């Protein structure tokens, strides 16, 4: 087993998943279908993506604002629906900011 597989399996276990289930999905027909669906969605983006990775959160393209990814995730996740722990570390003025 490769080091990458070991790390991926450990990461999966941290969130209650089985790494082998993820690998089976990714390597099988379901993984192929999901990849094709993602490609179609990427091709239909407006605005068109201009570089990779092109991150979209709830229909909002982040563009080059990767440093603000935590803010976008926290804004997109309503309170009480399992916000990531990092949301509690954001300044109060950003925690519930929209857009």
Protein backbone atom coordinates (compact mmCIF):
# COMPACT_ATOMS: atom_id res chain seq x y z
CA UNK A 1 0.00 0.00 0.00
CA UNK A 2 1.39 3.40 -0.95
CA UNK A 3 2.01 6.23 1.48
CA UNK A 4 -0.65 8.29 -0.29
CA UNK A 5 -3.20 5.50 0.16
CA UNK A 6 -2.25 5.20 3.83
CA UNK A 7 -2.74 8.94 4.34
CA UNK A 8 -6.04 8.93 2.45
CA UNK A 9 -7.32 6.00 4.51
CA UNK A 10 -6.33 7.76 7.75
CA UNK A 11 -8.08 10.95 6.60
CA UNK A 12 -11.24 9.00 5.71
CA UNK A 13 -11.27 7.31 9.11
CA UNK A 14 -11.12 10.70 10.86
CA UNK A 15 -14.53 11.54 9.38
CA UNK A 16 -16.03 8.08 9.88
CA UNK A 17 -15.52 6.71 6.36
CA UNK A 18 -13.72 3.65 5.05
CA UNK A 19 -10.89 4.42 2.66
CA UNK A 20 -11.59 1.18 0.78
CA UNK A 21 -15.18 2.32 0.11
CA UNK A 22 -13.88 5.59 -1.34
CA UNK A 23 -11.36 3.75 -3.53
CA UNK A 24 -14.03 1.32 -4.76
CA UNK A 25 -16.27 4.25 -5.70
CA UNK A 26 -13.49 6.23 -7.36
CA UNK A 27 -12.22 3.27 -9.36
CA UNK A 28 -15.63 1.98 -10.38
CA UNK A 29 -18.55 3.02 -12.56
CA UNK A 30 -19.96 5.38 -9.93
CA UNK A 31 -16.65 7.25 -9.81
CA UNK A 32 -16.66 7.53 -13.60
CA UNK A 33 -20.23 8.86 -13.58
CA UNK A 34 -19.41 11.42 -10.89
CA UNK A 35 -16.32 12.55 -12.80
CA UNK A 36 -18.36 13.04 -15.99
CA UNK A 37 -21.00 14.98 -14.06
CA UNK A 38 -18.31 17.22 -12.55
CA UNK A 39 -16.83 17.82 -16.01
CA UNK A 40 -20.25 18.86 -17.35
CA UNK A 41 -20.79 21.21 -14.42
CA UNK A 42 -17.31 22.69 -14.89
CA UNK A 43 -18.00 23.30 -18.58
CA UNK A 44 -21.25 25.06 -17.73
CA UNK A 45 -19.78 27.46 -15.15
CA UNK A 46 -20.58 31.13 -15.49
CA UNK A 47 -18.20 32.82 -15.29
CA UNK A 48 -16.02 30.26 -17.08
CA UNK A 49 -13.16 28.95 -15.03
CA UNK A 50 -9.80 30.42 -15.98
CA UNK A 51 -7.46 28.37 -13.81
CA UNK A 52 -7.38 25.30 -11.59
CA UNK A 53 -8.50 24.83 -8.91
CA UNK A 54 -11.67 26.83 -9.60
CA UNK A 55 -13.64 26.67 -6.38
CA UNK A 56 -17.39 27.32 -6.34
CA UNK A 57 -19.35 27.51 -3.08
CA UNK A 58 -23.15 27.68 -3.41
CA UNK A 59 -22.82 28.99 -6.94
CA UNK A 60 -20.27 31.67 -6.06
CA UNK A 61 -16.90 31.34 -7.80
CA UNK A 62 -14.11 32.22 -5.40
CA UNK A 63 -11.67 33.04 -8.19
CA UNK A 64 -8.35 33.83 -6.55
CA UNK A 65 -9.84 34.31 -3.07
CA UNK A 66 -8.53 31.01 -1.71
CA UNK A 67 -7.50 32.70 1.54
CA UNK A 68 -11.21 33.34 2.16
CA UNK A 69 -12.34 29.74 1.61
CA UNK A 70 -13.12 29.30 5.30
CA UNK A 71 -15.35 32.40 5.23
CA UNK A 72 -17.26 31.14 2.19
CA UNK A 73 -17.78 27.72 3.77
CA UNK A 74 -18.96 29.26 7.03
CA UNK A 75 -21.33 31.65 5.27
CA UNK A 76 -22.71 28.81 3.15
CA UNK A 77 -23.38 26.63 6.23
CA UNK A 78 -26.25 27.99 8.34
CA UNK A 79 -25.77 27.93 12.11
CA UNK A 80 -26.91 24.66 13.63
CA UNK A 81 -26.10 22.55 10.57
CA UNK A 82 -22.68 21.32 11.61
CA UNK A 83 -20.37 24.19 10.74
CA UNK A 84 -16.69 23.25 10.68
CA UNK A 85 -14.77 24.10 13.87
CA UNK A 86 -12.78 26.73 11.95
CA UNK A 87 -15.96 28.84 11.74
CA UNK A 88 -15.72 29.59 15.46
CA UNK A 89 -12.22 30.99 14.87
CA UNK A 90 -13.36 33.60 12.32
CA UNK A 91 -13.74 37.19 13.48
CA UNK A 92 -17.33 37.83 14.61
CA UNK A 93 -17.82 40.30 11.76
CA UNK A 94 -17.22 37.56 9.16
CA UNK A 95 -19.05 34.62 10.72
CA UNK A 96 -22.48 35.44 9.36
CA UNK A 97 -21.61 37.81 6.55
CA UNK A 98 -23.46 37.06 3.33
CA UNK A 99 -21.95 37.11 -0.15
